[in-house]
Protein backbone atom coordinates (compact mmCIF):
# COMPACT_ATOMS: atom_id res chain seq x y z
CA MET A 1 149.18 128.62 -1.38
CA LYS A 2 149.18 132.40 -1.35
CA PHE A 3 151.39 135.46 -1.26
CA PRO A 4 152.28 136.00 2.41
CA LYS A 5 150.76 139.46 2.82
CA CYS A 6 148.85 138.15 5.84
CA GLN A 7 151.55 135.69 6.94
CA SER A 8 153.76 137.92 9.05
CA ALA A 9 156.00 135.06 10.16
CA VAL A 10 157.31 134.46 6.66
CA LEU A 11 158.69 137.89 5.77
CA PRO A 12 161.06 138.29 8.75
CA LEU A 13 162.42 134.85 7.94
CA LEU A 14 163.09 135.93 4.38
CA LEU A 15 164.74 139.13 5.56
CA GLY A 16 166.83 137.19 8.06
CA THR A 17 168.03 134.63 5.53
CA ALA A 18 171.64 135.14 4.45
CA LEU A 19 172.11 135.97 0.80
CA PHE A 20 174.41 133.54 -0.94
CA ILE A 21 177.28 135.19 -2.85
CA SER A 22 179.06 133.08 -5.43
CA CYS A 23 182.86 132.98 -5.27
CA GLY A 24 185.45 132.31 -7.97
CA SER A 25 186.11 133.70 -11.38
CA SER A 26 183.60 133.78 -14.22
CA ASN A 27 186.03 131.62 -16.21
CA LYS A 28 185.78 128.83 -13.63
CA LYS A 29 182.02 129.14 -13.73
CA ASN A 30 181.97 128.84 -17.52
CA VAL A 31 184.27 125.80 -17.43
CA GLN A 32 182.03 124.10 -14.91
CA GLU A 33 178.94 124.81 -17.01
CA ASN A 34 180.65 123.34 -20.08
CA ILE A 35 181.59 120.21 -18.13
CA GLU A 36 177.99 119.81 -16.99
CA GLU A 37 176.75 120.16 -20.58
CA GLU A 38 179.26 117.58 -21.85
CA THR A 39 178.15 115.01 -19.25
CA PHE A 40 174.45 115.72 -19.75
CA ILE A 41 172.41 112.53 -19.53
CA LYS A 42 169.23 112.22 -21.55
CA ALA A 43 166.34 111.28 -19.27
CA PRO A 44 163.47 108.99 -20.28
CA GLU A 45 160.71 110.66 -22.27
CA PHE A 46 158.00 112.23 -20.16
CA ASN A 47 154.50 111.53 -21.55
CA ALA A 48 152.23 114.59 -21.26
CA ASP A 49 149.19 112.63 -22.47
CA SER A 50 149.64 110.26 -19.56
CA ALA A 51 150.09 113.11 -17.08
CA TYR A 52 146.96 114.80 -18.42
CA THR A 53 145.01 111.57 -17.83
CA TYR A 54 146.15 111.50 -14.21
CA VAL A 55 145.07 115.13 -13.73
CA ALA A 56 141.64 114.36 -15.20
CA ALA A 57 141.27 111.26 -13.01
CA GLN A 58 141.72 113.35 -9.87
CA VAL A 59 139.28 116.04 -11.01
CA ALA A 60 136.70 113.35 -11.81
CA PHE A 61 136.44 112.53 -8.10
CA GLY A 62 135.19 116.08 -7.49
CA PRO A 63 136.80 118.68 -5.20
CA ARG A 64 139.30 116.87 -2.96
CA VAL A 65 138.43 118.78 0.19
CA PRO A 66 139.37 117.01 3.45
CA ASN A 67 136.49 115.28 5.24
CA THR A 68 134.64 114.53 1.99
CA ALA A 69 134.00 111.29 0.12
CA ALA A 70 135.80 112.66 -2.95
CA HIS A 71 138.89 113.30 -0.85
CA ARG A 72 138.89 109.81 0.63
CA SER A 73 138.38 108.13 -2.73
CA CYS A 74 141.10 110.14 -4.43
CA GLY A 75 143.52 109.36 -1.61
CA GLU A 76 142.99 105.65 -2.19
CA TYR A 77 143.52 106.13 -5.91
CA LEU A 78 146.82 107.97 -5.42
CA ALA A 79 148.22 105.44 -2.97
CA LYS A 80 147.30 102.55 -5.27
CA LYS A 81 148.86 104.25 -8.30
CA LEU A 82 152.17 104.73 -6.48
CA GLU A 83 152.08 101.10 -5.38
CA GLN A 84 151.25 100.04 -8.95
CA PHE A 85 154.27 102.01 -10.15
CA GLY A 86 156.63 100.12 -7.87
CA ALA A 87 157.05 102.53 -4.97
CA LYS A 88 157.26 101.60 -1.32
CA VAL A 89 154.19 103.45 -0.08
CA TYR A 90 153.81 105.18 3.27
CA ASN A 91 150.53 106.70 4.47
CA GLN A 92 150.44 109.37 7.13
CA HIS A 93 146.95 109.75 8.56
CA ALA A 94 146.56 112.73 10.87
CA ASP A 95 143.88 114.93 12.41
CA LEU A 96 144.94 118.49 11.64
CA MET A 97 143.21 121.61 12.91
CA ALA A 98 142.08 124.18 10.37
CA TYR A 99 142.01 127.95 10.91
CA ASP A 100 138.44 127.78 12.31
CA GLY A 101 138.96 124.78 14.59
CA THR A 102 137.65 122.20 12.11
CA ILE A 103 139.46 118.89 12.44
CA LEU A 104 140.64 117.78 9.01
CA LYS A 105 141.04 114.05 8.42
CA SER A 106 144.27 114.38 6.48
CA ARG A 107 146.54 111.96 4.65
CA ASN A 108 150.05 112.50 3.36
CA ILE A 109 150.94 109.84 0.78
CA ILE A 110 154.58 108.99 0.12
CA GLY A 111 156.12 106.74 -2.53
CA ALA A 112 159.79 105.82 -2.06
CA TYR A 113 162.13 104.51 -4.77
CA LYS A 114 165.42 102.95 -3.70
CA PRO A 115 164.45 103.45 -0.05
CA GLU A 116 167.78 101.98 1.04
CA SER A 117 169.79 104.76 -0.64
CA LYS A 118 171.03 107.64 1.50
CA LYS A 119 171.43 109.83 -1.60
CA ARG A 120 167.90 111.14 -2.15
CA VAL A 121 165.85 113.86 -3.83
CA MET A 122 162.26 114.55 -2.86
CA LEU A 123 159.52 115.56 -5.31
CA CYS A 124 156.28 116.88 -3.87
CA ALA A 125 152.90 118.46 -4.58
CA HIS A 126 149.69 118.99 -2.65
CA TRP A 127 146.76 116.78 -3.61
CA ASP A 128 143.86 118.48 -1.80
CA SER A 129 141.79 121.24 -3.38
CA ARG A 130 140.55 124.49 -1.89
CA PRO A 131 137.13 124.49 -0.18
CA TYR A 132 136.54 128.11 -1.16
CA ALA A 133 136.52 129.90 -4.50
CA ASP A 134 137.32 133.02 -2.54
CA ALA A 135 139.37 134.76 -5.24
CA GLY A 136 136.38 134.91 -7.59
CA GLU A 137 132.85 136.26 -7.44
CA GLU A 138 131.42 136.60 -3.93
CA LYS A 139 128.52 134.25 -4.70
CA PHE A 140 131.08 131.43 -5.15
CA HIS A 141 133.19 132.16 -2.08
CA HIS A 142 131.92 129.07 -0.27
CA THR A 143 132.04 126.82 -3.33
CA PRO A 144 134.82 124.18 -3.45
CA ILE A 145 137.00 124.31 -6.55
CA ASP A 146 137.99 121.51 -8.93
CA GLY A 147 141.65 122.40 -8.46
CA ALA A 148 142.66 121.00 -11.85
CA ASN A 149 145.72 123.24 -11.95
CA ASP A 150 146.00 124.11 -8.26
CA GLY A 151 146.62 120.64 -6.88
CA ALA A 152 145.89 118.02 -9.53
CA SER A 153 148.46 119.22 -12.09
CA GLY A 154 151.47 118.74 -9.82
CA VAL A 155 150.24 115.34 -8.71
CA GLY A 156 149.56 114.34 -12.32
CA VAL A 157 153.13 115.20 -13.32
CA LEU A 158 154.52 113.24 -10.37
CA LEU A 159 152.39 110.19 -11.15
CA GLU A 160 153.79 110.14 -14.68
CA ILE A 161 157.30 110.46 -13.26
CA ALA A 162 156.51 107.54 -10.95
CA ARG A 163 155.43 105.49 -13.97
CA GLN A 164 158.76 106.23 -15.61
CA LEU A 165 160.69 105.42 -12.42
CA GLN A 166 159.16 101.97 -12.42
CA LYS A 167 160.72 101.33 -15.82
CA GLN A 168 164.11 102.96 -15.24
CA LEU A 169 165.49 104.22 -11.95
CA PRO A 170 168.02 107.06 -11.68
CA GLU A 171 171.21 106.56 -9.70
CA ILE A 172 169.76 108.17 -6.58
CA GLY A 173 166.75 107.44 -4.38
CA ILE A 174 163.56 109.39 -5.09
CA ASP A 175 160.67 110.16 -2.75
CA ILE A 176 157.38 111.36 -4.19
CA ILE A 177 155.27 113.08 -1.53
CA PHE A 178 151.67 114.13 -1.89
CA PHE A 179 150.96 116.64 0.88
CA ASP A 180 147.41 117.04 2.16
CA SER A 181 145.50 120.00 3.62
CA GLU A 182 147.68 122.59 1.91
CA ASP A 183 144.83 124.69 0.57
CA TYR A 184 142.58 124.99 3.65
CA GLY A 185 144.16 128.28 4.71
CA THR A 186 142.24 131.20 6.17
CA PRO A 187 139.96 132.84 3.59
CA ASP A 188 139.91 136.61 3.39
CA PHE A 189 136.19 136.64 4.22
CA TYR A 190 136.77 134.96 7.60
CA GLN A 191 135.58 137.24 10.41
CA GLY A 192 137.57 135.62 13.22
CA GLN A 193 141.17 136.20 14.22
CA HIS A 194 143.65 135.35 11.47
CA GLN A 195 146.39 133.04 12.71
CA ALA A 196 149.77 132.32 11.17
CA ASP A 197 150.58 128.98 9.52
CA THR A 198 147.04 127.99 8.55
CA TRP A 199 148.20 126.92 5.08
CA CYS A 200 150.25 123.81 4.25
CA LEU A 201 149.09 121.76 7.24
CA GLY A 202 150.15 118.44 5.73
CA SER A 203 153.73 119.53 5.07
CA GLN A 204 153.93 121.04 8.55
CA TYR A 205 152.92 117.68 10.00
CA TRP A 206 155.39 115.79 7.79
CA GLY A 207 158.14 118.25 8.65
CA ARG A 208 157.73 117.47 12.34
CA ILE A 209 157.04 113.75 11.89
CA PRO A 210 158.57 112.52 8.61
CA HIS A 211 157.59 109.16 7.13
CA VAL A 212 160.98 107.73 8.14
CA THR A 213 163.03 108.75 11.17
CA ASP A 214 165.55 111.54 10.58
CA TYR A 215 164.63 111.84 6.89
CA LYS A 216 167.16 113.70 4.75
CA ALA A 217 167.37 114.64 1.08
CA ARG A 218 169.81 116.66 -1.01
CA PHE A 219 167.01 118.96 -2.08
CA GLY A 220 163.32 118.97 -2.88
CA ILE A 221 161.23 120.13 -5.83
CA LEU A 222 157.68 121.30 -5.18
CA LEU A 223 155.23 121.41 -8.09
CA ASP A 224 152.26 123.73 -7.72
CA MET A 225 150.03 124.97 -10.55
CA VAL A 226 152.21 123.41 -13.25
CA GLY A 227 149.56 122.67 -15.88
CA GLY A 228 148.06 126.02 -16.85
CA LYS A 229 148.06 127.45 -20.37
CA ASN A 230 150.87 129.94 -21.00
CA ALA A 231 152.30 129.29 -17.54
CA THR A 232 155.50 131.04 -16.51
CA PHE A 233 157.76 129.92 -13.68
CA TYR A 234 159.89 132.64 -12.13
CA TYR A 235 162.47 132.39 -9.34
CA GLU A 236 160.29 132.15 -6.22
CA ASP A 237 161.87 134.35 -3.56
CA TYR A 238 162.10 131.92 -0.64
CA SER A 239 163.52 129.25 -2.96
CA LYS A 240 166.06 131.75 -4.27
CA HIS A 241 167.40 132.42 -0.77
CA THR A 242 167.32 128.89 0.63
CA ALA A 243 167.64 126.54 -2.37
CA ASN A 244 169.49 128.67 -4.92
CA LYS A 245 171.85 125.96 -6.16
CA ALA A 246 169.04 123.49 -6.85
CA MET A 247 166.86 126.21 -8.35
CA LYS A 248 169.55 127.27 -10.83
CA LYS A 249 170.10 123.61 -11.74
CA ILE A 250 166.39 123.24 -12.60
CA TRP A 251 166.18 126.42 -14.67
CA LYS A 252 169.40 125.50 -16.49
CA ALA A 253 167.96 122.08 -17.38
CA ALA A 254 164.77 123.72 -18.65
CA ASP A 255 166.76 126.13 -20.80
CA THR A 256 168.88 123.30 -22.21
CA LEU A 257 165.71 121.39 -23.14
CA GLY A 258 164.23 124.41 -24.91
CA TYR A 259 161.69 125.35 -22.25
CA GLY A 260 163.06 128.80 -21.49
CA ASN A 261 159.70 130.34 -22.43
CA PHE A 262 158.19 128.55 -19.42
CA PHE A 263 161.08 128.86 -16.94
CA ILE A 264 161.83 132.57 -16.78
CA LYS A 265 165.21 133.59 -15.39
CA ALA A 266 163.83 136.51 -13.41
CA ASP A 267 162.63 137.10 -9.86
CA GLY A 268 159.07 136.42 -8.77
CA GLY A 269 157.61 137.01 -5.32
CA PRO A 270 157.74 135.07 -2.03
CA ILE A 271 154.91 132.54 -1.80
CA THR A 272 153.55 130.70 1.23
CA ASP A 273 153.73 127.08 0.09
CA ASP A 274 154.84 123.64 1.25
CA HIS A 275 158.51 124.25 0.41
CA ILE A 276 158.80 126.70 3.31
CA TYR A 277 157.98 124.05 5.90
CA VAL A 278 160.12 121.40 4.21
CA HIS A 279 163.04 123.77 4.70
CA GLN A 280 162.14 125.21 8.09
CA LEU A 281 161.31 121.92 9.77
CA ARG A 282 163.64 119.47 7.98
CA GLN A 283 166.40 121.82 6.77
CA ILE A 284 165.98 120.49 3.22
CA PRO A 285 166.39 123.15 0.51
CA CYS A 286 163.25 122.95 -1.59
CA VAL A 287 162.44 124.75 -4.85
CA ASP A 288 158.89 125.89 -5.56
CA ILE A 289 158.07 125.57 -9.26
CA ILE A 290 154.85 127.58 -9.35
CA ASP A 291 153.05 129.55 -12.04
CA PHE A 292 153.65 133.26 -11.43
CA ASN A 293 152.05 136.05 -13.43
CA PRO A 294 153.50 139.52 -12.79
CA ASN A 295 150.64 141.11 -14.72
CA THR A 296 147.77 140.08 -12.43
CA GLU A 297 146.74 141.58 -9.10
CA THR A 298 147.17 138.27 -7.27
CA GLY A 299 150.41 137.28 -8.99
CA PHE A 300 148.75 134.04 -10.05
CA ASN A 301 146.75 133.01 -13.10
CA GLU A 302 143.21 134.36 -13.37
CA ALA A 303 141.60 131.00 -12.50
CA TRP A 304 143.46 130.73 -9.18
CA HIS A 305 141.07 129.95 -6.30
CA THR A 306 138.03 130.36 -8.55
CA VAL A 307 135.46 127.94 -9.96
CA ASN A 308 137.24 128.30 -13.31
CA ASP A 309 140.18 126.17 -12.18
CA ASN A 310 138.97 123.17 -14.22
CA MET A 311 140.26 120.86 -16.93
CA GLU A 312 139.77 123.52 -19.59
CA ARG A 313 142.75 125.32 -18.05
CA ILE A 314 145.15 122.39 -18.41
CA ASP A 315 147.68 122.46 -21.23
CA LYS A 316 149.75 119.41 -22.13
CA ALA A 317 152.60 121.62 -23.34
CA THR A 318 153.05 122.99 -19.81
CA LEU A 319 152.86 119.52 -18.27
CA GLN A 320 155.51 118.38 -20.75
CA ALA A 321 157.87 121.27 -19.99
CA VAL A 322 157.70 120.74 -16.24
CA GLY A 323 157.76 116.96 -16.31
CA GLN A 324 160.68 116.62 -18.71
CA THR A 325 162.66 119.26 -16.84
CA VAL A 326 162.20 117.56 -13.46
CA MET A 327 163.08 114.17 -14.93
CA THR A 328 166.22 115.60 -16.50
CA VAL A 329 167.31 116.96 -13.14
CA ILE A 330 166.81 113.74 -11.19
CA TYR A 331 168.36 111.49 -13.85
CA ASN A 332 171.46 113.68 -13.85
CA GLU A 333 171.99 113.44 -10.10
CA LYS A 334 174.94 111.21 -9.15
């Protein structure tokens, strides 16, 4: 993922998106909030130790760059874990073209719970890791990264949620989607012509050809870089304009659980990520929960797209905050 400074197609879309204006009195709003609090359902306990183990297991394979043995092995691991946790598993194998013409042997992995239910929420993350540490020192620009936070953390959280779903299902159907080839976007050092839409190739493929015909969901939640120390999750701009209702529901749940220091009720920037294509291609509002740092030049944490994105960066407290918040949201859907 990246800020779309070189993705000209994204900004006009943001500018052309209608701003949602809430109607009704503040009293009605307060009454509704009180009703929601009174009917609040306690979700099962998310286990951060377990999620951390799943993050470490992915990193142990090595960088999960498409067309590598580590990527293939990790893909098998993820599909088997979802199956072990009781999901109906779909595998989407596809040859996707990277920015430089490289054909990427890609695999989207989907685990469905209550596949017969028409009332669904999708949870997603990308499972590949970046082939370039191009945000760090130049000598590492062609070095693949571990992607402990950028990739493995979101998947680790979702695997722990899957483990909990096996034990107790919410009232609605849940789809857990691991998108591939998200992080193979054009590096800044590339000398050729920069094309649009070179990031998030797996979600673009899924958006055009979903795992089931005419797939629909109430909303989606995308987890990206959700394991870093001192992480902060702001309102991502595209999510704010296209999935505002779901976004506010998530941040309200986090605040209720005492995780307001992680989920900041303030605006971040627009980010090119899988949620854009989930919405554009399937018309599903999707919220990007992504670590945003307004004090860095990139807007991301300092390890982003560097060789320092390793297990030392992963904090169980952050995994816990994100995992418990997401579980609270899905177990309170009717």
